[in-house]
PDB file of N, CA and C in Angstrom:
ATOM      1  N   MET A   1       0.131  36.065 -46.997  1.00  0.00           N
ATOM      2  CA  MET A   1       0.962  34.904 -47.237  1.00  0.00           C
ATOM      3  C   MET A   1       1.078  34.123 -45.935  1.00  0.00           C
ATOM      4  N   SER A   2       1.014  32.845 -46.061  1.00  0.00           N
ATOM      5  CA  SER A   2       1.114  32.020 -44.861  1.00  0.00           C
ATOM      6  C   SER A   2       2.562  31.996 -44.360  1.00  0.00           C
ATOM      7  N   GLU A   3       2.700  31.629 -43.119  1.00  0.00           N
ATOM      8  CA  GLU A   3       4.040  31.549 -42.526  1.00  0.00           C
ATOM      9  C   GLU A   3       4.906  30.521 -43.251  1.00  0.00           C
ATOM     10  N   SER A   4       4.341  29.376 -43.619  1.00  0.00           N
ATOM     11  CA  SER A   4       5.142  28.362 -44.298  1.00  0.00           C
ATOM     12  C   SER A   4       5.516  28.815 -45.707  1.00  0.00           C
ATOM     13  N   GLY A   5       4.627  29.576 -46.363  1.00  0.00           N
ATOM     14  CA  GLY A   5       4.948  30.111 -47.689  1.00  0.00           C
ATOM     15  C   GLY A   5       6.094  31.102 -47.617  1.00  0.00           C
ATOM     16  N   TRP A   6       6.036  31.976 -46.636  1.00  0.00           N
ATOM     17  CA  TRP A   6       7.104  32.952 -46.456  1.00  0.00           C
ATOM     18  C   TRP A   6       8.410  32.264 -46.103  1.00  0.00           C
ATOM     19  N   ALA A   7       8.337  31.271 -45.240  1.00  0.00           N
ATOM     20  CA  ALA A   7       9.547  30.550 -44.836  1.00  0.00           C
ATOM     21  C   ALA A   7      10.192  29.858 -46.032  1.00  0.00           C
ATOM     22  N   ALA A   8       9.369  29.419 -46.990  1.00  0.00           N
ATOM     23  CA  ALA A   8       9.897  28.704 -48.151  1.00  0.00           C
ATOM     24  C   ALA A   8      10.683  29.612 -49.086  1.00  0.00           C
ATOM     25  N   ILE A   9      10.290  30.884 -49.208  1.00  0.00           N
ATOM     26  CA  ILE A   9      10.938  31.739 -50.199  1.00  0.00           C
ATOM     27  C   ILE A   9      11.776  32.873 -49.626  1.00  0.00           C
ATOM     28  N   LYS A  10      11.761  33.088 -48.329  1.00  0.00           N
ATOM     29  CA  LYS A  10      12.378  34.297 -47.776  1.00  0.00           C
ATOM     30  C   LYS A  10      13.872  34.416 -48.069  1.00  0.00           C
ATOM     31  N   ASP A  11      14.591  33.315 -48.158  1.00  0.00           N
ATOM     32  CA  ASP A  11      16.019  33.418 -48.442  1.00  0.00           C
ATOM     33  C   ASP A  11      16.300  33.746 -49.910  1.00  0.00           C
ATOM     34  N   ARG A  12      15.337  33.535 -50.788  1.00  0.00           N
ATOM     35  CA  ARG A  12      15.475  33.859 -52.220  1.00  0.00           C
ATOM     36  C   ARG A  12      14.354  34.792 -52.666  1.00  0.00           C
ATOM     37  N   TYR A  13      13.943  35.689 -51.777  1.00  0.00           N
ATOM     38  CA  TYR A  13      12.800  36.559 -52.032  1.00  0.00           C
ATOM     39  C   TYR A  13      12.936  37.329 -53.340  1.00  0.00           C
ATOM     40  N   TRP A  14      14.063  37.975 -53.572  1.00  0.00           N
ATOM     41  CA  TRP A  14      14.240  38.821 -54.750  1.00  0.00           C
ATOM     42  C   TRP A  14      14.194  38.000 -56.031  1.00  0.00           C
ATOM     43  N   LEU A  15      14.713  36.785 -55.995  1.00  0.00           N
ATOM     44  CA  LEU A  15      14.632  35.910 -57.162  1.00  0.00           C
ATOM     45  C   LEU A  15      13.175  35.587 -57.479  1.00  0.00           C
ATOM     46  N   PHE A  16      12.413  35.214 -56.463  1.00  0.00           N
ATOM     47  CA  PHE A  16      11.008  34.869 -56.690  1.00  0.00           C
ATOM     48  C   PHE A  16      10.175  36.088 -57.082  1.00  0.00           C
ATOM     49  N   LEU A  17      10.512  37.242 -56.572  1.00  0.00           N
ATOM     50  CA  LEU A  17       9.826  38.454 -57.000  1.00  0.00           C
ATOM     51  C   LEU A  17      10.095  38.722 -58.479  1.00  0.00           C
ATOM     52  N   GLY A  18      11.348  38.610 -58.887  1.00  0.00           N
ATOM     53  CA  GLY A  18      11.706  38.814 -60.287  1.00  0.00           C
ATOM     54  C   GLY A  18      11.058  37.792 -61.203  1.00  0.00           C
ATOM     55  N   VAL A  19      11.076  36.533 -60.788  1.00  0.00           N
ATOM     56  CA  VAL A  19      10.449  35.470 -61.581  1.00  0.00           C
ATOM     57  C   VAL A  19       8.958  35.742 -61.722  1.00  0.00           C
ATOM     58  N   SER A  20       8.314  36.149 -60.645  1.00  0.00           N
ATOM     59  CA  SER A  20       6.873  36.431 -60.681  1.00  0.00           C
ATOM     60  C   SER A  20       6.559  37.617 -61.592  1.00  0.00           C
ATOM     61  N   LEU A  21       7.353  38.669 -61.503  1.00  0.00           N
ATOM     62  CA  LEU A  21       7.122  39.843 -62.347  1.00  0.00           C
ATOM     63  C   LEU A  21       7.310  39.528 -63.824  1.00  0.00           C
ATOM     64  N   VAL A  22       8.370  38.806 -64.153  1.00  0.00           N
ATOM     65  CA  VAL A  22       8.605  38.441 -65.547  1.00  0.00           C
ATOM     66  C   VAL A  22       7.496  37.521 -66.049  1.00  0.00           C
ATOM     67  N   ALA A  23       7.057  36.581 -65.213  1.00  0.00           N
ATOM     68  CA  ALA A  23       5.961  35.683 -65.605  1.00  0.00           C
ATOM     69  C   ALA A  23       4.684  36.477 -65.889  1.00  0.00           C
ATOM     70  N   MET A  24       4.393  37.477 -65.062  1.00  0.00           N
ATOM     71  CA  MET A  24       3.202  38.298 -65.291  1.00  0.00           C
ATOM     72  C   MET A  24       3.336  39.138 -66.556  1.00  0.00           C
ATOM     73  N   LEU A  25       4.513  39.701 -66.785  1.00  0.00           N
ATOM     74  CA  LEU A  25       4.715  40.526 -67.979  1.00  0.00           C
ATOM     75  C   LEU A  25       4.613  39.713 -69.262  1.00  0.00           C
ATOM     76  N   ILE A  26       5.289  38.581 -69.306  1.00  0.00           N
ATOM     77  CA  ILE A  26       5.247  37.745 -70.504  1.00  0.00           C
ATOM     78  C   ILE A  26       3.866  37.114 -70.663  1.00  0.00           C
ATOM     79  N   GLY A  27       3.312  36.621 -69.577  1.00  0.00           N
ATOM     80  CA  GLY A  27       1.981  36.019 -69.636  1.00  0.00           C
ATOM     81  C   GLY A  27       0.911  37.015 -70.003  1.00  0.00           C
ATOM     82  N   GLY A  28       1.082  38.269 -69.617  1.00  0.00           N
ATOM     83  CA  GLY A  28       0.113  39.302 -69.942  1.00  0.00           C
ATOM     84  C   GLY A  28       0.225  39.800 -71.370  1.00  0.00           C
ATOM     85  N   ALA A  29       1.340  39.518 -72.040  1.00  0.00           N
ATOM     86  CA  ALA A  29       1.525  39.970 -73.416  1.00  0.00           C
ATOM     87  C   ALA A  29       0.504  39.315 -74.347  1.00  0.00           C
ATOM     88  N   VAL A  30       0.324  38.032 -74.214  1.00  0.00           N
ATOM     89  CA  VAL A  30      -0.686  37.274 -74.967  1.00  0.00           C
ATOM     90  C   VAL A  30      -1.351  36.354 -73.950  1.00  0.00           C
ATOM     91  N   PRO A  31      -2.317  36.875 -73.191  1.00  0.00           N
ATOM     92  CA  PRO A  31      -2.800  36.214 -71.981  1.00  0.00           C
ATOM     93  C   PRO A  31      -3.193  34.746 -72.100  1.00  0.00           C
ATOM     94  N   VAL A  32      -4.069  34.388 -72.991  1.00  0.00           N
ATOM     95  CA  VAL A  32      -4.542  33.000 -73.013  1.00  0.00           C
ATOM     96  C   VAL A  32      -3.439  32.056 -73.469  1.00  0.00           C
ATOM     97  N   VAL A  33      -2.561  32.524 -74.347  1.00  0.00           N
ATOM     98  CA  VAL A  33      -1.543  31.645 -74.919  1.00  0.00           C
ATOM     99  C   VAL A  33      -0.328  31.501 -74.003  1.00  0.00           C
ATOM    100  N   LEU A  34       0.153  32.584 -73.429  1.00  0.00           N
ATOM    101  CA  LEU A  34       1.415  32.534 -72.685  1.00  0.00           C
ATOM    102  C   LEU A  34       1.263  32.434 -71.171  1.00  0.00           C
ATOM    103  N   ILE A  35       0.098  32.720 -70.642  1.00  0.00           N
ATOM    104  CA  ILE A  35      -0.035  32.677 -69.180  1.00  0.00           C
ATOM    105  C   ILE A  35       0.101  31.249 -68.649  1.00  0.00           C
ATOM    106  N   GLY A  36      -0.362  30.272 -69.408  1.00  0.00           N
ATOM    107  CA  GLY A  36      -0.259  28.872 -68.974  1.00  0.00           C
ATOM    108  C   GLY A  36       1.176  28.417 -68.775  1.00  0.00           C
ATOM    109  N   PRO A  37       2.029  28.538 -69.803  1.00  0.00           N
ATOM    110  CA  PRO A  37       3.429  28.137 -69.620  1.00  0.00           C
ATOM    111  C   PRO A  37       4.156  28.949 -68.551  1.00  0.00           C
ATOM    112  N   MET A  38       3.818  30.232 -68.425  1.00  0.00           N
ATOM    113  CA  MET A  38       4.457  31.053 -67.397  1.00  0.00           C
ATOM    114  C   MET A  38       4.065  30.590 -65.999  1.00  0.00           C
ATOM    115  N   MET A  39       2.801  30.243 -65.819  1.00  0.00           N
ATOM    116  CA  MET A  39       2.365  29.745 -64.507  1.00  0.00           C
ATOM    117  C   MET A  39       3.007  28.381 -64.222  1.00  0.00           C
ATOM    118  N   CYS A  40       3.122  27.538 -65.248  1.00  0.00           N
ATOM    119  CA  CYS A  40       3.809  26.255 -65.065  1.00  0.00           C
ATOM    120  C   CYS A  40       5.250  26.478 -64.628  1.00  0.00           C
ATOM    121  N   GLY A  41       5.929  27.427 -65.265  1.00  0.00           N
ATOM    122  CA  GLY A  41       7.307  27.731 -64.899  1.00  0.00           C
ATOM    123  C   GLY A  41       7.429  28.274 -63.485  1.00  0.00           C
ATOM    124  N   LEU A  42       6.484  29.120 -63.104  1.00  0.00           N
ATOM    125  CA  LEU A  42       6.486  29.662 -61.746  1.00  0.00           C
ATOM    126  C   LEU A  42       6.295  28.546 -60.714  1.00  0.00           C
ATOM    127  N   TYR A  43       5.372  27.656 -61.000  1.00  0.00           N
ATOM    128  CA  TYR A  43       5.162  26.523 -60.092  1.00  0.00           C
ATOM    129  C   TYR A  43       6.368  25.593 -60.071  1.00  0.00           C
ATOM    130  N   LEU A  44       7.045  25.410 -61.197  1.00  0.00           N
ATOM    131  CA  LEU A  44       8.257  24.590 -61.212  1.00  0.00           C
ATOM    132  C   LEU A  44       9.324  25.193 -60.302  1.00  0.00           C
ATOM    133  N   CYS A  45       9.447  26.521 -60.326  1.00  0.00           N
ATOM    134  CA  CYS A  45      10.410  27.189 -59.434  1.00  0.00           C
ATOM    135  C   CYS A  45      10.049  26.967 -57.969  1.00  0.00           C
ATOM    136  N   LEU A  46       8.779  27.139 -57.654  1.00  0.00           N
ATOM    137  CA  LEU A  46       8.349  26.972 -56.262  1.00  0.00           C
ATOM    138  C   LEU A  46       8.501  25.529 -55.790  1.00  0.00           C
ATOM    139  N   LEU A  47       8.133  24.579 -56.634  1.00  0.00           N
ATOM    140  CA  LEU A  47       8.262  23.170 -56.255  1.00  0.00           C
ATOM    141  C   LEU A  47       9.726  22.764 -56.098  1.00  0.00           C
ATOM    142  N   ALA A  48      10.589  23.280 -56.966  1.00  0.00           N
ATOM    143  CA  ALA A  48      12.021  22.981 -56.828  1.00  0.00           C
ATOM    144  C   ALA A  48      12.549  23.507 -55.509  1.00  0.00           C
ATOM    145  N   LYS A  49      12.144  24.708 -55.132  1.00  0.00           N
ATOM    146  CA  LYS A  49      12.571  25.287 -53.861  1.00  0.00           C
ATOM    147  C   LYS A  49      12.089  24.441 -52.687  1.00  0.00           C
ATOM    148  N   MET A  50      10.830  23.990 -52.770  1.00  0.00           N
ATOM    149  CA  MET A  50      10.282  23.169 -51.683  1.00  0.00           C
ATOM    150  C   MET A  50      10.990  21.819 -51.575  1.00  0.00           C
ATOM    151  N   ARG A  51      11.506  21.313 -52.698  1.00  0.00           N
ATOM    152  CA  ARG A  51      12.246  20.044 -52.685  1.00  0.00           C
ATOM    153  C   ARG A  51      13.704  20.238 -52.272  1.00  0.00           C
ATOM    154  N   GLY A  52      14.124  21.475 -52.083  1.00  0.00           N
ATOM    155  CA  GLY A  52      15.496  21.749 -51.675  1.00  0.00           C
ATOM    156  C   GLY A  52      16.462  21.825 -52.844  1.00  0.00           C
ATOM    157  N   GLU A  53      15.953  21.911 -54.062  1.00  0.00           N
ATOM    158  CA  GLU A  53      16.802  22.007 -55.244  1.00  0.00           C
ATOM    159  C   GLU A  53      17.219  23.457 -55.471  1.00  0.00           C
ATOM    160  N   GLN A  54      18.255  23.640 -56.264  1.00  0.00           N
ATOM    161  CA  GLN A  54      18.716  24.977 -56.620  1.00  0.00           C
ATOM    162  C   GLN A  54      17.721  25.616 -57.578  1.00  0.00           C
ATOM    163  N   VAL A  55      17.288  26.822 -57.282  1.00  0.00           N
ATOM    164  CA  VAL A  55      16.343  27.542 -58.141  1.00  0.00           C
ATOM    165  C   VAL A  55      17.099  28.649 -58.859  1.00  0.00           C
ATOM    166  N   GLN A  56      16.991  28.636 -60.178  1.00  0.00           N
ATOM    167  CA  GLN A  56      17.593  29.688 -60.985  1.00  0.00           C
ATOM    168  C   GLN A  56      16.516  30.300 -61.863  1.00  0.00           C
ATOM    169  N   PHE A  57      16.781  31.514 -62.325  1.00  0.00           N
ATOM    170  CA  PHE A  57      15.796  32.271 -63.085  1.00  0.00           C
ATOM    171  C   PHE A  57      15.345  31.536 -64.347  1.00  0.00           C
ATOM    172  N   ASP A  58      16.249  30.810 -64.986  1.00  0.00           N
ATOM    173  CA  ASP A  58      15.900  30.145 -66.242  1.00  0.00           C
ATOM    174  C   ASP A  58      14.902  29.007 -66.064  1.00  0.00           C
ATOM    175  N   LYS A  59      14.691  28.550 -64.844  1.00  0.00           N
ATOM    176  CA  LYS A  59      13.705  27.501 -64.603  1.00  0.00           C
ATOM    177  C   LYS A  59      12.290  27.987 -64.946  1.00  0.00           C
ATOM    178  N   LEU A  60      12.068  29.298 -64.888  1.00  0.00           N
ATOM    179  CA  LEU A  60      10.771  29.853 -65.274  1.00  0.00           C
ATOM    180  C   LEU A  60      10.398  29.438 -66.693  1.00  0.00           C
ATOM    181  N   PHE A  61      11.379  29.411 -67.586  1.00  0.00           N
ATOM    182  CA  PHE A  61      11.110  29.106 -68.980  1.00  0.00           C
ATOM    183  C   PHE A  61      10.986  27.617 -69.252  1.00  0.00           C
ATOM    184  N   LYS A  62      11.239  26.776 -68.260  1.00  0.00           N
ATOM    185  CA  LYS A  62      10.974  25.337 -68.383  1.00  0.00           C
ATOM    186  C   LYS A  62       9.477  25.075 -68.457  1.00  0.00           C
ATOM    187  N   GLY A  63       8.672  26.069 -68.100  1.00  0.00           N
ATOM    188  CA  GLY A  63       7.225  25.944 -68.216  1.00  0.00           C
ATOM    189  C   GLY A  63       6.776  25.730 -69.648  1.00  0.00           C
ATOM    190  N   PHE A  64       7.591  26.161 -70.624  1.00  0.00           N
ATOM    191  CA  PHE A  64       7.257  25.947 -72.027  1.00  0.00           C
ATOM    192  C   PHE A  64       7.360  24.476 -72.416  1.00  0.00           C
ATOM    193  N   ASP A  65       8.007  23.662 -71.581  1.00  0.00           N
ATOM    194  CA  ASP A  65       7.999  22.200 -71.806  1.00  0.00           C
ATOM    195  C   ASP A  65       6.593  21.646 -71.611  1.00  0.00           C
ATOM    196  N   TYR A  66       5.744  22.388 -70.920  1.00  0.00           N
ATOM    197  CA  TYR A  66       4.360  21.982 -70.643  1.00  0.00           C
ATOM    198  C   TYR A  66       3.394  22.940 -71.337  1.00  0.00           C
ATOM    199  N   PHE A  67       3.744  23.344 -72.564  1.00  0.00           N
ATOM    200  CA  PHE A  67       2.979  24.371 -73.266  1.00  0.00           C
ATOM    201  C   PHE A  67       1.518  23.973 -73.474  1.00  0.00           C
ATOM    202  N   VAL A  68       1.283  22.785 -74.021  1.00  0.00           N
ATOM    203  CA  VAL A  68      -0.097  22.378 -74.322  1.00  0.00           C
ATOM    204  C   VAL A  68      -0.925  22.205 -73.040  1.00  0.00           C
ATOM    205  N   PRO A  69      -0.435  21.478 -72.020  1.00  0.00           N
ATOM    206  CA  PRO A  69      -1.230  21.390 -70.798  1.00  0.00           C
ATOM    207  C   PRO A  69      -1.460  22.758 -70.144  1.00  0.00           C
ATOM    208  N   GLY A  70      -0.451  23.634 -70.194  1.00  0.00           N
ATOM    209  CA  GLY A  70      -0.609  24.977 -69.643  1.00  0.00           C
ATOM    210  C   GLY A  70      -1.618  25.789 -70.429  1.00  0.00           C
ATOM    211  N   LEU A  71      -1.606  25.638 -71.744  1.00  0.00           N
ATOM    212  CA  LEU A  71      -2.567  26.335 -72.605  1.00  0.00           C
ATOM    213  C   LEU A  71      -3.985  25.878 -72.304  1.00  0.00           C
ATOM    214  N   VAL A  72      -4.169  24.569 -72.144  1.00  0.00           N
ATOM    215  CA  VAL A  72      -5.490  24.023 -71.832  1.00  0.00           C
ATOM    216  C   VAL A  72      -5.970  24.537 -70.473  1.00  0.00           C
ATOM    217  N   ALA A  73      -5.092  24.511 -69.474  1.00  0.00           N
ATOM    218  CA  ALA A  73      -5.470  24.989 -68.138  1.00  0.00           C
ATOM    219  C   ALA A  73      -5.819  26.473 -68.164  1.00  0.00           C
ATOM    220  N   ALA A  74      -5.046  27.266 -68.891  1.00  0.00           N
ATOM    221  CA  ALA A  74      -5.330  28.705 -68.985  1.00  0.00           C
ATOM    222  C   ALA A  74      -6.649  28.948 -69.698  1.00  0.00           C
ATOM    223  N   ALA A  75      -6.929  28.172 -70.738  1.00  0.00           N
ATOM    224  CA  ALA A  75      -8.192  28.326 -71.463  1.00  0.00           C
ATOM    225  C   ALA A  75      -9.376  27.963 -70.575  1.00  0.00           C
ATOM    226  N   ILE A  76      -9.234  26.901 -69.807  1.00  0.00           N
ATOM    227  CA  ILE A  76     -10.314  26.480 -68.903  1.00  0.00           C
ATOM    228  C   ILE A  76     -10.585  27.570 -67.866  1.00  0.00           C
ATOM    229  N   GLN A  77      -9.549  28.238 -67.406  1.00  0.00           N
ATOM    230  CA  GLN A  77      -9.722  29.304 -66.412  1.00  0.00           C
ATOM    231  C   GLN A  77     -10.216  30.602 -67.043  1.00  0.00           C
ATOM    232  N   THR A  78      -9.813  30.888 -68.266  1.00  0.00           N
ATOM    233  CA  THR A  78     -10.096  32.179 -68.879  1.00  0.00           C
ATOM    234  C   THR A  78     -11.454  32.235 -69.571  1.00  0.00           C
ATOM    235  N   VAL A  79     -11.821  31.181 -70.254  1.00  0.00           N
ATOM    236  CA  VAL A  79     -13.069  31.190 -71.037  1.00  0.00           C
ATOM    237  C   VAL A  79     -14.292  31.511 -70.176  1.00  0.00           C
ATOM    238  N   PRO A  80     -14.483  30.927 -69.005  1.00  0.00           N
ATOM    239  CA  PRO A  80     -15.641  31.298 -68.201  1.00  0.00           C
ATOM    240  C   PRO A  80     -15.635  32.774 -67.760  1.00  0.00           C
ATOM    241  N   ILE A  81     -14.470  33.340 -67.596  1.00  0.00           N
ATOM    242  CA  ILE A  81     -14.388  34.753 -67.186  1.00  0.00           C
ATOM    243  C   ILE A  81     -14.839  35.645 -68.347  1.00  0.00           C
ATOM    244  N   ILE A  82     -14.442  35.301 -69.548  1.00  0.00           N
ATOM    245  CA  ILE A  82     -14.804  36.085 -70.729  1.00  0.00           C
ATOM    246  C   ILE A  82     -16.304  36.006 -71.009  1.00  0.00           C
ATOM    247  N   MET A  83     -16.865  34.839 -70.823  1.00  0.00           N
ATOM    248  CA  MET A  83     -18.289  34.650 -71.120  1.00  0.00           C
ATOM    249  C   MET A  83     -19.093  35.078 -69.959  1.00  0.00           C
TER     250      MET A  83
END
């Protein structure tokens, strides 16, 4: 991890660890379908932190607001691996 990455999350390390673990567990349940929204939610948490906004665990599930774009991105990443 880069120094700037660590500096961004170190004060909320346990929150980001929990968010990451839950995102992996839910995204891994139905990989192609749920990994996209989970990754969107994870990025929303990280971007909010970088903007200085309050980050809460429920922001992870805001990734479902971007379900279709997340699904498309996950499919684009997953299909070449499968084939």
